[in-house]
Amino acid sequence: MIHDCPSCSLAEAWFEEDGSDIYLNLNRVATEEDLEIDHYLEYEGQTIETVKILVAFCPYCGQKLGSSDRVVVPQFQHHNFGGRK
């Protein structure tokens, strides 16, 4: 495990290492209300959106992640799996 932050357990969040880069992954899952609004969703707990963000520090506790001192250029990937945009 790259980083075990107690605050990450409160959300669908985890860290992933790709070479010398560390990414924070966040999931948004469907609630009952989402199912009523979006007919593309099938069940509660279904992943609606994912975001993958390049990070140098944990945004929850501030701990430095990785050993690199290089400058992190902000970038992210966003995937929306629901019908709502």
Protein backbone atom coordinates (compact mmCIF):
# COMPACT_ATOMS: atom_id res chain seq x y z
CA MET A 1 0.00 0.00 0.00
CA ILE A 2 1.28 3.42 -0.97
CA HIS A 3 -0.48 5.41 1.75
CA ASP A 4 -3.00 4.37 4.38
CA CYS A 5 -4.96 7.47 5.40
CA PRO A 6 -7.90 6.96 7.80
CA SER A 7 -9.87 9.70 6.02
CA CYS A 8 -9.75 7.73 2.74
CA SER A 9 -11.85 5.00 4.35
CA LEU A 10 -14.72 7.50 4.63
CA ALA A 11 -14.92 7.81 0.84
CA GLU A 12 -14.34 5.64 -2.20
CA ALA A 13 -10.73 6.85 -2.43
CA TRP A 14 -7.38 5.12 -2.88
CA PHE A 15 -3.85 5.84 -4.05
CA GLU A 16 -2.13 4.16 -6.97
CA GLU A 17 1.50 4.25 -8.11
CA ASP A 18 2.50 4.40 -11.78
CA GLY A 19 6.28 4.55 -12.04
CA SER A 20 7.32 7.57 -10.00
CA ASP A 21 3.84 9.14 -10.18
CA ILE A 22 1.21 8.81 -7.43
CA TYR A 23 -2.48 9.12 -8.32
CA LEU A 24 -5.50 9.67 -6.09
CA ASN A 25 -8.53 7.77 -7.40
CA LEU A 26 -12.03 8.82 -6.38
CA ASN A 27 -15.29 7.01 -7.17
CA ARG A 28 -18.84 8.33 -6.97
CA VAL A 29 -21.41 5.60 -6.60
CA ALA A 30 -25.15 5.64 -7.29
CA THR A 31 -27.63 6.35 -4.52
CA GLU A 32 -31.37 5.70 -4.60
CA GLU A 33 -31.91 9.32 -5.64
CA ASP A 34 -29.45 8.92 -8.55
CA LEU A 35 -31.42 5.88 -9.76
CA GLU A 36 -34.64 7.93 -9.83
CA ILE A 37 -33.01 10.72 -11.84
CA ASP A 38 -30.85 8.72 -14.29
CA HIS A 39 -32.48 5.83 -16.17
CA TYR A 40 -29.06 4.60 -17.38
CA LEU A 41 -28.15 3.47 -13.85
CA GLU A 42 -29.06 -0.06 -12.80
CA TYR A 43 -28.42 -0.43 -9.04
CA GLU A 44 -27.33 1.37 -5.87
CA GLY A 45 -23.57 1.29 -5.42
CA GLN A 46 -22.90 1.27 -9.17
CA THR A 47 -19.92 3.45 -10.09
CA ILE A 48 -21.17 6.65 -11.72
CA GLU A 49 -17.96 8.63 -12.03
CA THR A 50 -14.27 8.11 -11.45
CA VAL A 51 -11.55 10.72 -11.22
CA LYS A 52 -7.81 9.99 -11.27
CA ILE A 53 -5.65 12.91 -10.09
CA LEU A 54 -1.85 13.16 -10.07
CA VAL A 55 -0.81 14.18 -6.54
CA ALA A 56 2.37 14.82 -4.55
CA PHE A 57 0.66 15.05 -1.13
CA CYS A 58 -2.35 13.36 0.45
CA PRO A 59 -5.19 15.92 0.29
CA TYR A 60 -6.72 14.44 3.45
CA CYS A 61 -3.75 14.51 5.85
CA GLY A 62 -0.98 16.38 3.97
CA GLN A 63 1.60 13.57 4.04
CA LYS A 64 4.15 13.72 1.19
CA LEU A 65 3.70 10.78 -1.16
CA GLY A 66 6.63 9.25 -3.02
CA SER A 67 10.26 10.21 -2.79
CA SER A 68 10.53 12.41 -5.87
CA ASP A 69 11.21 16.13 -5.46
CA ARG A 70 10.19 16.96 -9.02
CA VAL A 71 7.42 19.47 -9.67
CA VAL A 72 3.99 17.87 -10.13
CA VAL A 73 2.06 19.33 -13.05
CA PRO A 74 -1.65 19.07 -12.21
CA GLN A 75 -3.52 16.65 -14.44
CA PHE A 76 -6.52 14.38 -14.11
CA GLN A 77 -8.72 11.88 -15.91
CA HIS A 78 -12.51 11.97 -15.46
CA HIS A 79 -14.88 9.21 -16.56
CA ASN A 80 -18.69 9.59 -16.35
CA PHE A 81 -20.57 6.28 -16.63
CA GLY A 82 -24.06 7.67 -16.02
CA GLY A 83 -26.47 9.27 -18.46
CA ARG A 84 -26.38 12.65 -16.69
CA LYS A 85 -23.64 14.98 -17.85
